[in-house]
Protein backbone atom coordinates (compact mmCIF):
# COMPACT_ATOMS: atom_id res chain seq x y z
CA UNK A 1 193.92 122.18 29.78
CA UNK A 2 197.10 124.12 31.41
CA UNK A 3 198.89 122.86 34.09
CA UNK A 4 199.61 125.54 36.99
CA UNK A 5 202.50 125.17 39.29
CA UNK A 6 202.51 126.62 42.75
CA UNK A 7 205.43 125.42 45.03
CA UNK A 8 205.82 128.34 47.26
CA UNK A 9 205.90 130.96 44.73
CA UNK A 10 203.85 132.39 41.70
CA UNK A 11 205.04 130.51 38.42
CA UNK A 12 203.29 130.94 35.00
CA UNK A 13 201.04 128.87 33.86
CA UNK A 14 201.58 126.36 31.21
CA UNK A 15 199.20 125.47 28.27
CA UNK A 16 199.18 122.63 25.81
CA UNK A 17 201.32 123.34 22.62
CA UNK A 18 200.04 126.22 20.56
CA UNK A 19 198.96 126.54 16.87
CA UNK A 20 198.27 123.54 14.05
CA UNK A 21 201.98 122.50 13.53
CA UNK A 22 203.49 118.85 14.42
CA UNK A 23 203.96 119.52 17.67
CA UNK A 24 200.81 121.35 18.61
CA UNK A 25 197.95 119.62 20.64
CA UNK A 26 195.65 119.70 17.73
CA UNK A 27 198.06 117.30 16.03
CA UNK A 28 199.00 115.15 19.22
CA UNK A 29 195.72 114.12 21.12
CA UNK A 30 193.87 111.65 19.56
CA UNK A 31 194.44 109.90 22.51
CA UNK A 32 192.17 111.68 24.40
CA UNK A 33 189.94 112.42 21.72
CA UNK A 34 188.95 108.72 21.08
CA UNK A 35 186.87 108.72 24.54
CA UNK A 36 184.20 111.12 22.73
CA UNK A 37 182.59 108.43 20.69
CA UNK A 38 182.37 106.33 23.81
CA UNK A 39 180.83 108.61 25.79
CA UNK A 40 178.66 110.69 23.47
CA UNK A 41 175.52 108.08 23.50
CA UNK A 42 175.44 108.55 27.32
CA UNK A 43 175.95 112.06 27.80
CA UNK A 44 172.78 112.32 25.29
CA UNK A 45 170.84 109.33 26.85
CA UNK A 46 171.39 111.68 30.18
CA UNK A 47 170.37 115.31 28.38
CA UNK A 48 167.37 113.56 27.13
CA UNK A 49 166.24 111.87 30.38
CA UNK A 50 167.71 114.71 32.82
CA UNK A 51 167.65 117.67 31.20
CA UNK A 52 164.20 119.57 31.84
CA UNK A 53 164.69 123.24 33.11
CA UNK A 54 162.16 124.56 30.76
CA UNK A 55 161.69 128.22 32.79
CA UNK A 56 165.77 128.77 32.70
CA UNK A 57 166.22 128.73 28.62
CA UNK A 58 163.95 130.70 27.82
CA UNK A 59 166.94 133.34 27.58
CA UNK A 60 169.18 131.08 26.09
CA UNK A 61 171.21 128.13 26.93
CA UNK A 62 174.64 128.56 28.69
CA UNK A 63 176.96 125.95 28.20
CA UNK A 64 180.86 125.93 29.62
CA UNK A 65 183.61 123.60 28.74
CA UNK A 66 186.26 124.03 31.54
CA UNK A 67 189.67 123.06 30.06
CA UNK A 68 188.71 123.49 26.48
CA UNK A 69 192.54 123.83 24.94
CA UNK A 70 192.58 125.34 21.02
CA UNK A 71 188.99 123.49 20.82
CA UNK A 72 190.18 120.27 18.38
CA UNK A 73 188.47 118.15 21.11
CA UNK A 74 185.86 120.62 22.47
CA UNK A 75 184.23 121.33 19.56
CA UNK A 76 182.87 117.63 18.34
CA UNK A 77 181.30 117.63 22.17
CA UNK A 78 179.94 120.88 22.33
CA UNK A 79 178.61 120.16 18.80
CA UNK A 80 176.59 116.86 19.77
CA UNK A 81 175.48 118.38 23.51
CA UNK A 82 173.91 121.73 21.41
CA UNK A 83 172.40 119.54 18.80
CA UNK A 84 170.90 116.72 21.91
CA UNK A 85 169.32 119.73 23.80
CA UNK A 86 167.95 121.43 20.62
CA UNK A 87 166.08 118.13 20.39
CA UNK A 88 164.37 119.11 23.46
CA UNK A 89 164.08 122.82 23.25
CA UNK A 90 163.79 123.40 19.15
CA UNK A 91 164.15 127.15 19.63
CA UNK A 92 166.28 127.87 22.25
CA UNK A 93 169.57 129.43 21.70
CA UNK A 94 173.19 128.69 22.34
CA UNK A 95 175.77 130.02 24.12
CA UNK A 96 178.73 128.49 24.80
CA UNK A 97 181.81 129.57 26.64
CA UNK A 98 185.04 128.18 26.18
CA UNK A 99 187.34 128.16 29.07
CA UNK A 100 191.16 127.98 29.73
CA UNK A 101 193.94 129.58 31.54
CA UNK A 102 194.81 133.02 30.10
CA UNK A 103 197.76 131.98 28.53
CA UNK A 104 195.64 129.14 26.23
CA UNK A 105 196.23 129.57 22.65
CA UNK A 106 192.28 131.00 22.11
CA UNK A 107 193.85 132.38 18.57
CA UNK A 108 193.50 129.02 17.10
CA UNK A 109 190.46 127.89 18.96
CA UNK A 110 188.46 130.83 17.22
CA UNK A 111 189.78 130.65 14.23
CA UNK A 112 188.98 126.65 14.19
CA UNK A 113 185.64 127.21 15.05
CA UNK A 114 183.08 125.11 12.86
CA UNK A 115 181.05 127.27 10.45
CA UNK A 116 178.01 125.29 10.42
CA UNK A 117 177.87 125.47 14.44
CA UNK A 118 174.30 126.09 16.04
CA UNK A 119 175.67 128.01 19.01
CA UNK A 120 177.48 131.76 19.61
CA UNK A 121 181.03 130.97 21.05
CA UNK A 122 182.89 133.09 23.46
CA UNK A 123 186.35 132.55 25.46
CA UNK A 124 186.47 132.92 29.06
CA UNK A 125 190.26 133.18 30.80
CA UNK A 126 190.79 131.83 34.04
CA UNK A 127 191.66 129.08 36.83
CA UNK A 128 187.97 126.72 36.72
CA UNK A 129 189.02 125.44 40.28
CA UNK A 130 187.59 129.33 41.19
CA UNK A 131 184.49 131.20 40.03
CA UNK A 132 184.32 132.34 36.70
CA UNK A 133 180.67 132.82 35.90
CA UNK A 134 177.85 134.60 37.93
CA UNK A 135 175.58 133.00 39.78
CA UNK A 136 172.96 130.67 38.13
CA UNK A 137 173.95 131.50 34.74
CA UNK A 138 174.80 127.84 33.46
CA UNK A 139 172.27 125.56 32.16
CA UNK A 140 175.21 122.89 31.08
CA UNK A 141 178.68 122.33 32.39
CA UNK A 142 181.15 119.75 30.47
CA UNK A 143 185.19 119.27 31.29
CA UNK A 144 187.05 116.09 29.48
CA UNK A 145 190.85 115.50 30.41
CA UNK A 146 191.39 118.24 32.39
CA UNK A 147 190.10 117.91 35.84
CA UNK A 148 193.69 115.55 36.59
CA UNK A 149 195.90 118.58 36.33
CA UNK A 150 196.21 120.02 39.97
CA UNK A 151 196.50 123.61 40.87
CA UNK A 152 200.26 122.92 42.45
CA UNK A 153 202.67 120.43 43.41
CA UNK A 154 201.87 119.21 47.27
CA UNK A 155 204.16 121.27 48.74
CA UNK A 156 205.45 118.46 51.23
CA UNK A 157 206.48 116.64 47.67
CA UNK A 158 209.00 119.23 46.92
CA UNK A 159 210.37 119.37 50.33
CA UNK A 160 213.43 117.90 51.07
CA UNK A 161 212.63 117.45 54.72
CA UNK A 162 209.72 116.22 54.59
CA UNK A 163 208.93 112.05 54.56
CA UNK A 164 206.72 112.52 51.38
CA UNK A 165 209.82 114.45 49.10
CA UNK A 166 209.85 112.83 45.74
CA UNK A 167 213.15 112.49 45.36
CA UNK A 168 214.38 111.48 41.89
CA UNK A 169 210.85 111.28 40.62
CA UNK A 170 208.47 113.31 39.38
CA UNK A 171 205.12 111.92 39.79
CA UNK A 172 203.61 110.03 42.53
CA UNK A 173 204.28 106.56 41.96
CA UNK A 174 202.48 103.33 43.69
CA UNK A 175 205.68 102.61 45.95
CA UNK A 176 205.78 105.55 47.86
CA UNK A 177 202.63 105.92 49.82
CA UNK A 178 203.79 109.24 51.84
CA UNK A 179 204.11 110.63 48.29
CA UNK A 180 201.04 109.50 46.87
CA UNK A 181 198.86 110.70 50.24
CA UNK A 182 200.15 114.07 49.50
CA UNK A 183 199.54 114.25 45.96
CA UNK A 184 195.60 112.68 46.79
CA UNK A 185 195.06 115.51 49.59
CA UNK A 186 195.86 117.93 46.46
CA UNK A 187 193.68 116.64 44.34
CA UNK A 188 190.79 116.38 46.77
CA UNK A 189 191.08 119.81 47.70
CA UNK A 190 191.10 120.79 44.01
CA UNK A 191 188.14 118.61 42.99
CA UNK A 192 186.04 120.34 45.76
CA UNK A 193 187.08 123.69 45.12
CA UNK A 194 185.64 123.05 41.32
CA UNK A 195 182.36 121.27 42.30
CA UNK A 196 181.80 124.38 44.78
CA UNK A 197 182.28 127.05 41.98
CA UNK A 198 180.24 125.45 39.68
CA UNK A 199 177.48 124.95 42.15
CA UNK A 200 177.02 128.75 42.69
CA UNK A 201 177.56 129.39 38.98
CA UNK A 202 174.80 126.84 37.54
CA UNK A 203 170.93 126.67 37.56
CA UNK A 204 169.45 124.24 39.82
CA UNK A 205 168.45 121.45 37.83
CA UNK A 206 171.53 122.26 35.30
CA UNK A 207 173.78 119.25 34.08
CA UNK A 208 177.66 118.63 34.21
CA UNK A 209 179.38 116.01 32.43
CA UNK A 210 182.87 115.25 33.25
CA UNK A 211 185.36 113.41 31.77
CA UNK A 212 188.38 112.50 33.90
CA UNK A 213 191.34 109.58 33.28
CA UNK A 214 191.97 107.59 36.18
CA UNK A 215 193.22 104.43 37.06
CA UNK A 216 191.74 101.11 38.33
CA UNK A 217 191.86 100.37 42.11
CA UNK A 218 194.18 97.16 41.10
CA UNK A 219 196.51 96.64 38.19
CA UNK A 220 198.94 94.13 37.43
CA UNK A 221 202.46 96.67 36.90
CA UNK A 222 204.14 93.82 35.76
CA UNK A 223 202.24 92.97 32.58
CA UNK A 224 199.98 96.48 32.50
CA UNK A 225 200.81 99.98 32.48
CA UNK A 226 198.91 103.45 32.94
CA UNK A 227 199.07 107.09 32.03
CA UNK A 228 201.19 107.43 34.91
CA UNK A 229 203.64 105.05 33.91
CA UNK A 230 204.19 106.79 30.81
CA UNK A 231 204.97 109.94 32.42
CA UNK A 232 207.29 108.41 35.59
CA UNK A 233 209.32 106.40 32.55
CA UNK A 234 209.66 110.23 31.11
CA UNK A 235 211.05 110.91 34.58
CA UNK A 236 213.42 107.74 33.97
CA UNK A 237 214.83 109.49 30.98
CA UNK A 238 215.25 112.75 33.04
CA UNK A 239 217.46 110.71 35.49
CA UNK A 240 219.37 109.27 32.18
CA UNK A 241 220.27 112.90 31.15
CA UNK A 242 221.58 113.67 34.73
CA UNK A 243 223.98 110.75 34.34
CA UNK A 244 225.31 111.77 31.19
CA UNK A 245 226.07 115.20 32.92
CA UNK A 246 223.18 116.70 30.43
CA UNK A 247 221.61 118.34 33.69
CA UNK A 248 221.69 118.06 37.41
CA UNK A 249 219.91 115.55 39.77
CA UNK A 250 219.05 118.58 41.91
CA UNK A 251 216.84 120.42 39.19
CA UNK A 252 215.03 116.87 38.75
CA UNK A 253 214.62 116.64 42.57
CA UNK A 254 212.68 119.93 42.72
CA UNK A 255 210.94 119.20 39.86
CA UNK A 256 207.34 117.48 39.83
CA UNK A 257 204.28 117.40 37.69
CA UNK A 258 200.78 118.85 38.87
CA UNK A 259 199.05 115.89 38.01
CA UNK A 260 196.93 113.22 39.30
CA UNK A 261 195.02 110.38 38.54
CA UNK A 262 192.11 109.45 40.74
CA UNK A 263 190.41 105.61 41.20
CA UNK A 264 186.93 105.37 40.84
CA UNK A 265 186.35 105.09 44.53
CA UNK A 266 187.89 108.00 45.43
CA UNK A 267 186.26 110.02 42.71
CA UNK A 268 183.06 108.47 43.86
CA UNK A 269 183.57 109.57 47.33
CA UNK A 270 184.29 113.21 46.44
CA UNK A 271 181.14 113.49 44.46
CA UNK A 272 179.01 112.07 47.28
CA UNK A 273 180.39 114.49 49.92
CA UNK A 274 179.17 117.54 47.71
CA UNK A 275 175.48 118.29 48.95
CA UNK A 276 175.08 120.56 45.79
CA UNK A 277 174.70 117.77 43.02
CA UNK A 278 173.47 114.13 42.80
CA UNK A 279 175.01 111.93 41.29
CA UNK A 280 172.96 110.64 38.01
CA UNK A 281 175.23 108.12 36.48
CA UNK A 282 179.05 106.92 36.40
CA UNK A 283 180.38 104.98 34.14
CA UNK A 284 183.77 103.78 33.97
CA UNK A 285 184.72 104.20 30.17
CA UNK A 286 188.17 102.26 28.06
CA UNK A 287 189.33 104.80 25.59
CA UNK A 288 189.48 103.57 22.31
CA UNK A 289 191.88 106.95 21.63
CA UNK A 290 194.63 104.20 22.97
CA UNK A 291 194.69 102.42 19.43
CA UNK A 292 194.99 105.58 17.26
CA UNK A 293 198.40 106.18 18.36
CA UNK A 294 200.30 104.71 15.21
CA UNK A 295 203.71 104.55 16.47
CA UNK A 296 206.33 104.92 19.60
CA UNK A 297 207.52 108.57 18.11
CA UNK A 298 203.43 109.47 18.21
CA UNK A 299 203.45 108.11 21.62
CA UNK A 300 206.06 110.58 22.63
CA UNK A 301 204.50 113.56 21.21
CA UNK A 302 201.45 112.94 22.60
CA UNK A 303 203.22 113.70 26.06
CA UNK A 304 205.64 115.95 24.33
CA UNK A 305 202.32 118.33 23.67
CA UNK A 306 201.03 119.03 27.25
CA UNK A 307 204.11 118.88 29.02
CA UNK A 308 206.82 120.62 26.51
CA UNK A 309 206.25 124.00 28.03
CA UNK A 310 206.60 123.29 31.65
CA UNK A 311 209.65 120.97 30.81
CA UNK A 312 211.13 123.72 28.92
CA UNK A 313 210.47 125.95 32.35
CA UNK A 314 212.32 124.05 34.09
CA UNK A 315 215.11 122.16 32.29
CA UNK A 316 215.82 124.70 29.22
CA UNK A 317 214.57 124.15 25.53
CA UNK A 318 218.09 122.47 24.85
CA UNK A 319 217.45 119.05 26.16
CA UNK A 320 213.86 118.79 25.36
CA UNK A 321 214.79 117.09 21.88
CA UNK A 322 217.13 114.82 23.66
CA UNK A 323 214.47 114.05 26.27
CA UNK A 324 212.00 112.91 23.95
CA UNK A 325 214.07 111.06 21.80
CA UNK A 326 215.40 108.97 24.90
CA UNK A 327 211.55 108.61 25.67
CA UNK A 328 210.69 107.26 22.23
CA UNK A 329 213.25 105.00 22.13
CA UNK A 330 212.51 103.38 25.91
CA UNK A 331 209.03 103.02 24.77
CA UNK A 332 209.72 101.06 21.52
CA UNK A 333 212.06 98.96 23.75
CA UNK A 334 209.09 97.34 26.19
CA UNK A 335 207.44 94.90 25.22
CA UNK A 336 204.51 96.07 27.54
CA UNK A 337 204.59 99.30 26.80
CA UNK A 338 204.29 98.93 23.22
CA UNK A 339 201.13 97.08 22.97
CA UNK A 340 198.26 99.15 23.50
CA UNK A 341 196.31 96.58 24.95
CA UNK A 342 197.99 96.65 27.95
CA UNK A 343 197.30 100.57 28.74
CA UNK A 344 194.89 100.02 31.67
CA UNK A 345 194.02 103.46 32.06
CA UNK A 346 190.25 104.34 32.25
CA UNK A 347 187.92 107.46 31.56
CA UNK A 348 185.54 107.70 34.50
CA UNK A 349 182.06 109.58 32.91
CA UNK A 350 180.41 111.43 36.02
CA UNK A 351 177.01 113.04 35.06
CA UNK A 352 175.73 115.34 37.71
CA UNK A 353 172.94 117.31 38.17
CA UNK A 354 172.63 120.93 40.15
CA UNK A 355 170.54 119.99 43.34
CA UNK A 356 167.57 123.03 43.00
CA UNK A 357 167.52 125.32 46.35
CA UNK A 358 170.55 124.16 47.65
CA UNK A 359 173.00 126.16 48.26
CA UNK A 360 176.38 125.69 47.65
């Protein structure tokens, strides 16, 4: 899923790195892909138990993946979802809609489609926080590692006169409550907008599977780390470059990443406030993908693939190689960051059902 920055003015959308080359998201997303093996049996079980909307599938089953990127991690998910539904509705035809922002590399997605798939494929460009489909047109919705992206950096975070000004940092941290609150408020607004849009688009009884990266409510920052820690370490590398005169501190102070990791408690509260969906199941998953990253170089590139375009736009391309070389060295120098067992990031799997006869 692409990042979308809006800090008082419209800026371009920044998708994951395109293509299939060494810097592409395709080659640098094993961490995200790892969760599929854990989530697959749970989603299949929920489909078997809860996907029973026979009347609405006479004209085919419509499935949407919100935040598909170039499809590398989306295709396996669409395969097991369509196969699981096909086990129940053997004569149904399937239409899968692959959604991401308009600047996403849909060319790579369509040239990489699995040849033996049992579904028709369509690309749908657009921001999934708003409406993308006709009313009551989707039977199944899916999103993985996309809903952590915010529609904008919270305005207060970028305002030097605000208590929430995030000077010298690029993401919210545990030590700055005002910054954390600003990010949290923005996340709640965005999640509510996503749910409201899907409520209109989904048929009554339709299912939605959300795989959302998150952090535990409590963890030891001295001995453990999360995805947010990695990103803040990247931010410290920017400050190191500023000290070397490679870029200005003011440039860093004006930069924040529109990215937020929720907690299970917060997400459950947001979902419970929705009157359009029932929570069929929530699972907190440990992502085995963290053990798939063979080196600190590969770890650095896992962050380069989603953030490179965003960083290049703000700081210029001439510092990017130096930035990620420094990031790799800092990761390698830390005994905490070097051990994937210390990664306490989690993934929340939420299975939701569209409540019939309830207006969004």
